[in-house]
Amino acid sequence: MKVLQILFLPTAAVSSFLTPQHTISLFASTSHKPRVTFKQPTVITMSSSATKDNDDDLIEKERAKSVFRYTEDIAPGLKLDMTLTAIHHTTVSEFQQVQVIDTHFGRTLVTDGKTQSAQHDEFVYHESLVHPSLFWSAILTNNNSNGSGKKKGPKSVFIGGGGELATAREVLKHTTVERLVMVDIDPVVIDVCKRYLPEWGGEAVASHPKMELIIGDAHKYIMETSETFDVIIMDISDPIEAGPGIALYTKEFYQRASQVLTPHSGVFVTQAGSAEYIPHYEEEVNISCFSPIRNTLASVFDHAIPYTVSIASFGEDWGFVMAFNGSNENARQLVEMTSEKVDGLIDERIEAVEGVPEHPRFENDGDSVLKVYDGETHRGLFSLSKPLRKAIAKDKRIMTKANPIFMY
């Protein structure tokens, strides 16, 4: 473990949040961990004619430059670097390092050195993960129904992971949902998020009457359950070598998940890591898992549709993959769904979750149940860049228990 030597006192706004244990934990520097760096002080030489006021002004200017930095590795040779203004919580659970900090992107949850979500754009990630899959399940349910009722399904939803509670928050906005089961392995993450990130969902979501919150192994739950679900959502840690989630990205797990889904109208969706086309010509090993996750799901389901969204706090575009069974015509319908169709589904099916505090950026916005996702946004999600499409087509890797693939 390397501990940086502080050579210049930080401003009171930052130092007031730091205790010795915070400093040691956050400064711990191992592979792919966040790093807090400290800018070296500048030596100031003052002339004897300088006034006291000028002295004070210059000292304050230099002090303002001497701030803690939060640095996160994005890819080899590529880092995200920003001011660290507060450390609210840092601990190591049984499974991972958990931190809540304030940065350029506001209040931020970090686990094992990777930003999980930030106040600035957490809703971009969570709305993109949840709503396309639930609306698509609704459409498939109606396509396979003999009735003409408007609000058929989805009724039952499973979330693997989701400790921030924001994925559950988005699911509970769907008025058709009657049962939501969320299984997360780490109670520390859930407790920390309830305390420090209430806008993500907090106690209002954790204790919602439609919600069954289980502390346990999502892999084990899916493998052993006799229940079926209309939608399975995997909001889990990236498949990094030291992380707890690698088994949830394998072909064997996806095969079992396909059996747990409602026949003909069940939809599976997972976060799929970095989807940015960032070339790493010097790398012998491909460090992206976006294509392998899509390929692995495509080996189990009739269709595995990749989509992406730009998330500033992640420093790159982020990928998701939605998988389901059915005709090619159905698959085209998902990608080509009109803005009017999506907006109609939102008006018909979406309501705010009572008790969840409003996001500060949207307190005076009368139309903020969904912050980002609408008909126009939906069409953009499925419009992948040409280089990314070519990279996906070229990558043939599949993730199995015997041959796991780890992202950077």
Protein backbone atom coordinates (compact mmCIF):
# COMPACT_ATOMS: atom_id res chain seq x y z
CA MET A 1 0.00 0.00 0.00
CA LYS A 2 1.31 3.44 -0.90
CA VAL A 3 0.32 6.47 1.14
CA LEU A 4 0.87 9.85 -0.43
CA GLN A 5 2.69 12.47 1.57
CA ILE A 6 0.68 15.65 2.01
CA LEU A 7 2.89 18.68 1.53
CA PHE A 8 0.31 21.44 1.69
CA LEU A 9 -2.79 21.63 3.83
CA PRO A 10 -6.07 21.37 1.90
CA THR A 11 -8.88 23.84 2.25
CA ALA A 12 -11.11 23.46 5.26
CA ALA A 13 -13.99 22.34 3.05
CA VAL A 14 -12.08 19.19 2.13
CA SER A 15 -10.06 18.56 5.29
CA SER A 16 -13.19 18.64 7.45
CA PHE A 17 -14.31 15.39 5.81
CA LEU A 18 -11.03 13.58 6.28
CA THR A 19 -10.11 11.38 9.23
CA PRO A 20 -6.98 9.23 9.47
CA GLN A 21 -8.89 6.10 8.46
CA HIS A 22 -10.43 7.89 5.50
CA THR A 23 -7.04 9.08 4.34
CA ILE A 24 -5.46 5.63 4.54
CA SER A 25 -8.37 3.85 2.87
CA LEU A 26 -8.74 6.27 0.01
CA PHE A 27 -5.01 6.57 -0.59
CA ALA A 28 -4.56 2.81 -0.81
CA SER A 29 -3.19 2.30 -4.30
CA THR A 30 -3.56 -1.08 -5.95
CA SER A 31 -4.36 -2.13 -9.49
CA HIS A 32 -7.39 -0.28 -10.86
CA LYS A 33 -8.14 1.40 -7.52
CA PRO A 34 -9.06 5.07 -7.33
CA ARG A 35 -6.22 7.36 -6.50
CA VAL A 36 -6.32 10.57 -4.56
CA THR A 37 -3.45 12.78 -5.58
CA PHE A 38 -2.34 16.04 -4.08
CA LYS A 39 -1.06 18.88 -6.17
CA GLN A 40 2.40 20.03 -5.23
CA PRO A 41 2.60 23.48 -3.67
CA THR A 42 4.06 26.44 -5.50
CA VAL A 43 6.76 28.41 -3.70
CA ILE A 44 5.78 32.08 -3.57
CA THR A 45 8.47 34.76 -3.48
CA MET A 46 7.10 38.13 -2.41
CA SER A 47 8.75 41.51 -2.81
CA SER A 48 9.06 43.71 0.25
CA SER A 49 6.78 46.28 -1.37
CA ALA A 50 3.83 43.90 -1.64
CA THR A 51 0.95 44.86 0.58
CA LYS A 52 -0.59 42.58 3.18
CA ASP A 53 -3.79 42.43 1.14
CA ASN A 54 -1.87 41.28 -1.91
CA ASP A 55 -0.08 38.70 0.23
CA ASP A 56 -3.38 37.33 1.45
CA ASP A 57 -4.88 37.27 -2.05
CA LEU A 58 -1.94 35.36 -3.51
CA ILE A 59 -1.89 32.91 -0.63
CA GLU A 60 -5.60 32.21 -1.09
CA LYS A 61 -5.11 31.70 -4.83
CA GLU A 62 -2.35 29.19 -4.22
CA ARG A 63 -4.33 27.47 -1.48
CA ALA A 64 -7.27 27.13 -3.87
CA LYS A 65 -5.02 25.21 -6.26
CA SER A 66 -3.95 22.77 -3.57
CA VAL A 67 -6.88 20.37 -3.59
CA PHE A 68 -7.34 16.65 -3.44
CA ARG A 69 -7.90 14.88 -6.75
CA TYR A 70 -9.97 11.81 -7.59
CA THR A 71 -8.43 9.78 -10.40
CA GLU A 72 -10.00 6.71 -11.99
CA ASP A 73 -8.48 4.46 -14.65
CA ILE A 74 -10.73 4.19 -17.73
CA ALA A 75 -8.40 2.30 -20.04
CA PRO A 76 -4.64 1.80 -20.38
CA GLY A 77 -3.17 5.28 -20.65
CA LEU A 78 -6.55 6.95 -20.10
CA LYS A 79 -7.69 8.39 -16.77
CA LEU A 80 -10.56 10.46 -15.47
CA ASP A 81 -9.26 13.15 -13.14
CA MET A 82 -11.27 15.67 -11.12
CA THR A 83 -11.40 17.62 -7.87
CA LEU A 84 -12.40 15.66 -4.78
CA THR A 85 -14.42 18.00 -2.56
CA ALA A 86 -15.70 15.64 0.14
CA ILE A 87 -15.37 12.10 1.46
CA HIS A 88 -18.63 11.09 3.12
CA HIS A 89 -17.99 7.41 3.67
CA THR A 90 -15.34 4.82 3.04
CA THR A 91 -15.28 1.23 4.17
CA VAL A 92 -14.43 -2.28 3.03
CA SER A 93 -17.30 -4.75 3.11
CA GLU A 94 -16.97 -8.51 2.90
CA PHE A 95 -17.08 -8.21 -0.88
CA GLN A 96 -15.71 -4.85 -2.00
CA GLN A 97 -14.42 -1.41 -1.15
CA VAL A 98 -17.31 1.07 -0.82
CA GLN A 99 -16.97 4.85 -0.91
CA VAL A 100 -19.28 7.84 -1.17
CA ILE A 101 -17.54 11.01 -2.28
CA ASP A 102 -18.29 14.40 -3.81
CA THR A 103 -16.60 15.25 -7.10
CA HIS A 104 -17.19 17.37 -10.17
CA PHE A 105 -20.21 15.12 -10.82
CA GLY A 106 -21.74 15.59 -7.37
CA ARG A 107 -22.39 12.84 -4.85
CA THR A 108 -20.80 9.64 -6.21
CA LEU A 109 -20.81 5.96 -5.25
CA VAL A 110 -17.52 4.16 -5.91
CA THR A 111 -16.93 0.43 -5.44
CA ASP A 112 -13.61 -1.29 -5.99
CA GLY A 113 -12.22 1.81 -7.63
CA LYS A 114 -14.98 2.19 -10.20
CA THR A 115 -17.67 4.85 -10.27
CA GLN A 116 -21.04 3.12 -10.01
CA SER A 117 -23.24 6.20 -10.30
CA ALA A 118 -23.07 9.92 -9.71
CA GLN A 119 -25.66 12.55 -8.88
CA HIS A 120 -25.03 14.30 -12.18
CA ASP A 121 -26.25 11.43 -14.37
CA GLU A 122 -27.25 8.33 -12.38
CA PHE A 123 -30.71 8.58 -13.92
CA VAL A 124 -29.19 8.31 -17.41
CA TYR A 125 -27.78 4.89 -16.55
CA HIS A 126 -30.78 3.59 -14.61
CA GLU A 127 -33.49 4.80 -16.98
CA SER A 128 -31.59 3.36 -19.95
CA LEU A 129 -31.17 0.01 -18.21
CA VAL A 130 -34.79 -0.37 -17.10
CA HIS A 131 -37.37 1.25 -19.36
CA PRO A 132 -36.54 -0.18 -22.80
CA SER A 133 -36.76 -3.73 -21.42
CA LEU A 134 -40.01 -3.22 -19.49
CA PHE A 135 -41.71 -1.48 -22.40
CA TRP A 136 -40.50 -4.18 -24.77
CA SER A 137 -41.88 -6.86 -22.44
CA ALA A 138 -45.22 -5.02 -22.49
CA ILE A 139 -45.25 -5.01 -26.28
CA LEU A 140 -44.32 -8.70 -26.50
CA THR A 141 -47.01 -9.52 -23.94
CA ASN A 142 -49.64 -7.75 -26.01
CA ASN A 143 -48.33 -9.29 -29.26
CA ASN A 144 -48.78 -12.75 -27.73
CA SER A 145 -52.15 -12.00 -26.14
CA ASN A 146 -55.58 -12.67 -27.56
CA GLY A 147 -57.12 -9.86 -25.54
CA SER A 148 -57.26 -6.17 -26.33
CA GLY A 149 -56.51 -4.74 -22.87
CA LYS A 150 -54.06 -1.86 -22.90
CA LYS A 151 -52.01 -2.47 -19.77
CA LYS A 152 -50.93 -6.09 -19.93
CA GLY A 153 -47.60 -6.81 -18.26
CA PRO A 154 -44.92 -6.79 -17.23
CA LYS A 155 -46.07 -7.84 -13.78
CA SER A 156 -43.08 -9.59 -12.22
CA VAL A 157 -39.49 -8.30 -12.35
CA PHE A 158 -36.21 -9.63 -10.96
CA ILE A 159 -33.18 -7.42 -10.29
CA GLY A 160 -29.78 -8.99 -9.74
CA GLY A 161 -27.60 -6.53 -7.85
CA GLY A 162 -28.95 -3.01 -7.85
CA GLY A 163 -27.68 -2.06 -4.39
CA GLU A 164 -28.09 1.66 -5.05
CA LEU A 165 -31.88 1.00 -5.23
CA ALA A 166 -32.18 3.28 -8.27
CA THR A 167 -32.88 0.39 -10.66
CA ALA A 168 -35.73 -0.70 -8.39
CA ARG A 169 -36.91 2.92 -8.28
CA GLU A 170 -37.27 2.94 -12.06
CA VAL A 171 -39.03 -0.45 -12.14
CA LEU A 172 -41.56 0.69 -9.54
CA LYS A 173 -42.54 3.61 -11.77
CA HIS A 174 -44.27 1.06 -14.04
CA THR A 175 -47.86 0.79 -12.86
CA THR A 176 -48.28 -2.74 -14.23
CA VAL A 177 -45.57 -4.18 -11.96
CA GLU A 178 -47.06 -6.18 -9.10
CA ARG A 179 -43.97 -7.96 -7.76
CA LEU A 180 -40.33 -6.93 -7.71
CA VAL A 181 -37.60 -9.17 -6.31
CA MET A 182 -34.16 -7.64 -5.83
CA VAL A 183 -31.22 -9.79 -4.72
CA ASP A 184 -27.96 -8.07 -3.84
CA ILE A 185 -25.06 -9.75 -2.12
CA ASP A 186 -23.70 -6.75 -0.22
CA PRO A 187 -25.83 -5.22 2.57
CA VAL A 188 -23.18 -2.57 3.17
CA VAL A 189 -23.80 -1.01 -0.26
CA ILE A 190 -27.55 -0.93 0.35
CA ASP A 191 -27.20 0.63 3.79
CA VAL A 192 -24.67 3.20 2.59
CA CYS A 193 -26.89 4.19 -0.35
CA LYS A 194 -29.98 4.52 1.83
CA ARG A 195 -28.06 6.86 4.12
CA TYR A 196 -26.09 8.97 1.64
CA LEU A 197 -28.00 8.65 -1.66
CA PRO A 198 -31.73 8.96 -0.81
CA GLU A 199 -32.61 10.39 -4.24
CA TRP A 200 -31.49 7.08 -5.74
CA GLY A 201 -34.44 5.41 -3.98
CA GLY A 202 -33.59 5.03 -0.33
CA GLU A 203 -35.94 3.65 2.26
CA ALA A 204 -39.00 4.54 0.17
CA VAL A 205 -37.93 1.93 -2.38
CA ALA A 206 -36.38 -0.58 0.04
CA SER A 207 -39.63 -0.81 2.01
CA HIS A 208 -42.05 -0.48 -0.93
CA PRO A 209 -44.97 -2.94 -0.64
CA LYS A 210 -44.28 -4.39 -4.10
CA MET A 211 -40.60 -4.93 -3.30
CA GLU A 212 -38.96 -8.02 -1.85
CA LEU A 213 -35.39 -7.12 -0.95
CA ILE A 214 -33.15 -10.14 -0.39
CA ILE A 215 -29.56 -10.03 0.83
CA GLY A 216 -28.01 -12.93 -0.96
CA ASP A 217 -26.40 -14.35 -4.07
CA ALA A 218 -28.31 -13.43 -7.26
CA HIS A 219 -26.62 -16.29 -9.13
CA LYS A 220 -27.75 -18.82 -6.54
CA TYR A 221 -31.28 -17.36 -6.48
CA ILE A 222 -31.76 -17.67 -10.25
CA MET A 223 -30.24 -21.14 -10.34
CA GLU A 224 -32.58 -22.42 -7.61
CA THR A 225 -35.82 -20.47 -8.03
CA SER A 226 -39.05 -22.09 -9.21
CA GLU A 227 -40.59 -18.68 -9.93
CA THR A 228 -40.82 -17.08 -13.38
CA PHE A 229 -40.34 -13.41 -14.21
CA ASP A 230 -41.46 -11.21 -17.08
CA VAL A 231 -38.21 -9.23 -16.96
CA ILE A 232 -34.79 -10.01 -15.51
CA ILE A 233 -32.48 -7.01 -15.00
CA MET A 234 -28.83 -7.49 -14.12
CA ASP A 235 -27.44 -4.33 -12.51
CA ILE A 236 -24.23 -5.85 -11.28
CA SER A 237 -20.57 -5.03 -10.88
CA ASP A 238 -18.39 -5.14 -13.98
CA PRO A 239 -16.72 -8.48 -14.72
CA ILE A 240 -13.39 -7.51 -13.21
CA GLU A 241 -11.05 -10.21 -12.00
CA ALA A 242 -11.28 -9.30 -8.30
CA GLY A 243 -15.00 -8.51 -8.37
CA PRO A 244 -17.95 -10.58 -7.12
CA GLY A 245 -20.00 -10.62 -10.33
CA ILE A 246 -18.14 -12.64 -12.99
CA ALA A 247 -20.41 -15.72 -12.70
CA LEU A 248 -23.38 -13.55 -13.68
CA TYR A 249 -21.97 -12.97 -17.18
CA THR A 250 -21.46 -16.58 -18.27
CA LYS A 251 -23.31 -18.66 -20.84
CA GLU A 252 -24.31 -21.11 -18.14
CA PHE A 253 -26.02 -18.36 -16.13
CA TYR A 254 -27.78 -16.95 -19.19
CA GLN A 255 -29.08 -20.42 -20.09
CA ARG A 256 -30.67 -20.74 -16.68
CA ALA A 257 -32.04 -17.19 -16.82
CA SER A 258 -33.77 -17.97 -20.12
CA GLN A 259 -35.63 -20.80 -18.37
CA VAL A 260 -36.79 -18.47 -15.57
CA LEU A 261 -38.30 -15.93 -17.98
CA THR A 262 -41.95 -15.97 -18.99
CA PRO A 263 -42.21 -17.92 -22.29
CA HIS A 264 -42.63 -15.84 -25.48
CA SER A 265 -42.64 -12.43 -23.76
CA GLY A 266 -39.80 -12.60 -21.23
CA VAL A 267 -36.97 -10.06 -21.58
CA PHE A 268 -33.45 -10.19 -20.13
CA VAL A 269 -31.25 -7.07 -19.91
CA THR A 270 -27.82 -6.50 -18.44
CA GLN A 271 -25.38 -3.68 -18.11
CA ALA A 272 -22.45 -4.57 -20.32
CA GLY A 273 -19.59 -2.26 -19.48
CA SER A 274 -17.70 0.19 -21.64
CA ALA A 275 -19.06 0.56 -25.16
CA GLU A 276 -16.78 3.34 -26.28
CA TYR A 277 -14.72 2.78 -29.41
CA ILE A 278 -11.36 3.54 -27.80
CA PRO A 279 -8.55 1.93 -29.78
CA HIS A 280 -5.81 0.18 -27.81
CA TYR A 281 -3.49 -0.79 -30.62
CA GLU A 282 -0.64 -1.66 -28.28
CA GLU A 283 -2.75 -4.06 -26.23
CA GLU A 284 -2.43 -7.77 -26.96
CA VAL A 285 -5.64 -8.54 -25.04
CA ASN A 286 -8.99 -6.93 -25.77
CA ILE A 287 -10.10 -5.32 -22.50
CA SER A 288 -13.73 -4.69 -23.50
CA CYS A 289 -16.53 -7.07 -22.52
CA PHE A 290 -19.36 -5.39 -24.43
CA SER A 291 -19.10 -7.65 -27.48
CA PRO A 292 -18.51 -10.89 -25.53
CA ILE A 293 -21.58 -10.21 -23.38
CA ARG A 294 -23.66 -9.64 -26.52
CA ASN A 295 -22.18 -12.75 -28.16
CA THR A 296 -22.83 -14.89 -25.10
CA LEU A 297 -26.46 -13.79 -24.85
CA ALA A 298 -26.87 -14.35 -28.60
CA SER A 299 -25.73 -17.95 -28.12
CA VAL A 300 -28.68 -18.50 -25.75
CA PHE A 301 -31.51 -16.23 -26.98
CA ASP A 302 -32.93 -15.67 -30.46
CA HIS A 303 -31.97 -12.00 -30.25
CA ALA A 304 -29.36 -10.05 -28.30
CA ILE A 305 -29.66 -6.34 -29.05
CA PRO A 306 -26.81 -4.04 -27.93
CA TYR A 307 -27.43 -0.40 -27.13
CA THR A 308 -25.45 2.44 -25.59
CA VAL A 309 -25.72 5.78 -23.83
CA SER A 310 -23.17 8.45 -22.99
CA ILE A 311 -22.50 8.73 -19.25
CA ALA A 312 -20.19 11.63 -18.42
CA SER A 313 -19.29 10.44 -14.92
CA PHE A 314 -18.05 7.15 -16.40
CA GLY A 315 -15.89 9.05 -18.87
CA GLU A 316 -17.26 7.11 -21.84
CA ASP A 317 -20.27 5.56 -23.53
CA TRP A 318 -21.82 2.68 -21.61
CA GLY A 319 -23.27 -0.50 -23.03
CA PHE A 320 -26.34 -2.62 -22.34
CA VAL A 321 -27.63 -5.77 -24.00
CA MET A 322 -31.28 -6.80 -24.17
CA ALA A 323 -32.09 -10.42 -25.01
CA PHE A 324 -35.36 -12.18 -25.86
CA ASN A 325 -36.88 -14.85 -28.07
CA GLY A 326 -39.14 -14.36 -31.06
CA SER A 327 -39.21 -13.49 -34.73
CA ASN A 328 -36.84 -11.23 -36.62
CA GLU A 329 -39.78 -8.94 -37.26
CA ASN A 330 -40.17 -8.49 -33.50
CA ALA A 331 -36.51 -7.60 -33.15
CA ARG A 332 -36.76 -4.94 -35.85
CA GLN A 333 -39.83 -3.53 -34.13
CA LEU A 334 -37.80 -2.87 -30.99
CA VAL A 335 -35.06 -0.94 -32.78
CA GLU A 336 -37.43 0.92 -35.09
CA MET A 337 -40.06 1.79 -32.49
CA THR A 338 -41.41 5.28 -33.17
CA SER A 339 -41.01 8.15 -30.75
CA GLU A 340 -44.79 8.44 -30.59
CA LYS A 341 -45.11 4.80 -29.53
CA VAL A 342 -42.60 5.16 -26.69
CA ASP A 343 -44.07 8.46 -25.50
CA GLY A 344 -47.52 6.86 -25.49
CA LEU A 345 -46.26 4.00 -23.31
CA ILE A 346 -44.70 6.49 -20.89
CA ASP A 347 -47.94 8.49 -20.58
CA GLU A 348 -49.94 5.31 -20.10
CA ARG A 349 -47.72 3.40 -17.67
CA ILE A 350 -45.29 5.62 -15.73
CA GLU A 351 -45.91 7.22 -12.33
CA ALA A 352 -43.53 8.66 -9.71
CA VAL A 353 -42.61 6.50 -6.72
CA GLU A 354 -44.06 8.05 -3.58
CA GLY A 355 -41.55 9.06 -0.93
CA VAL A 356 -38.44 9.25 -3.11
CA PRO A 357 -36.86 12.74 -2.79
CA GLU A 358 -36.71 14.71 -6.02
CA HIS A 359 -33.34 15.13 -7.66
CA PRO A 360 -32.02 18.66 -6.95
CA ARG A 361 -31.63 19.41 -10.66
CA PHE A 362 -35.31 18.70 -11.30
CA GLU A 363 -37.09 20.12 -8.25
CA ASN A 364 -38.93 22.77 -10.28
CA ASP A 365 -39.55 20.60 -13.32
CA GLY A 366 -43.18 19.54 -13.58
CA ASP A 367 -42.34 16.81 -16.11
CA SER A 368 -39.57 14.94 -14.33
CA VAL A 369 -40.86 11.44 -13.55
CA LEU A 370 -38.41 10.32 -16.25
CA LYS A 371 -35.42 12.64 -16.48
CA VAL A 372 -33.90 11.44 -19.76
CA TYR A 373 -35.73 8.55 -21.39
CA ASP A 374 -38.44 9.33 -23.94
CA GLY A 375 -39.27 8.47 -27.54
CA GLU A 376 -36.43 10.45 -29.11
CA THR A 377 -33.93 9.11 -26.58
CA HIS A 378 -35.05 5.53 -27.22
CA ARG A 379 -34.22 5.76 -30.90
CA GLY A 380 -30.80 7.20 -30.12
CA LEU A 381 -29.93 4.38 -27.72
CA PHE A 382 -30.01 1.79 -30.50
CA SER A 383 -28.05 3.85 -33.06
CA LEU A 384 -24.53 2.51 -32.65
CA SER A 385 -21.59 4.18 -34.33
CA LYS A 386 -20.05 2.54 -37.39
CA PRO A 387 -16.70 1.78 -35.65
CA LEU A 388 -18.53 0.19 -32.73
CA ARG A 389 -20.69 -1.93 -35.03
CA LYS A 390 -17.56 -3.11 -36.85
CA ALA A 391 -15.82 -3.92 -33.56
CA ILE A 392 -18.82 -5.97 -32.38
CA ALA A 393 -18.97 -7.86 -35.68
CA LYS A 394 -15.27 -8.70 -35.49
CA ASP A 395 -15.27 -9.91 -31.87
CA LYS A 396 -16.36 -13.57 -31.59
CA ARG A 397 -15.55 -14.23 -27.92
CA ILE A 398 -18.06 -15.95 -25.60
CA MET A 399 -17.93 -15.93 -21.80
CA THR A 400 -18.21 -19.27 -19.98
CA LYS A 401 -17.35 -20.58 -16.52
CA ALA A 402 -14.30 -22.29 -17.97
CA ASN A 403 -13.29 -19.25 -20.04
CA PRO A 404 -14.21 -16.03 -18.22
CA ILE A 405 -13.38 -12.66 -19.73
CA PHE A 406 -12.46 -9.72 -17.54
CA MET A 407 -12.77 -6.06 -18.42
CA TYR A 408 -10.21 -3.42 -17.46
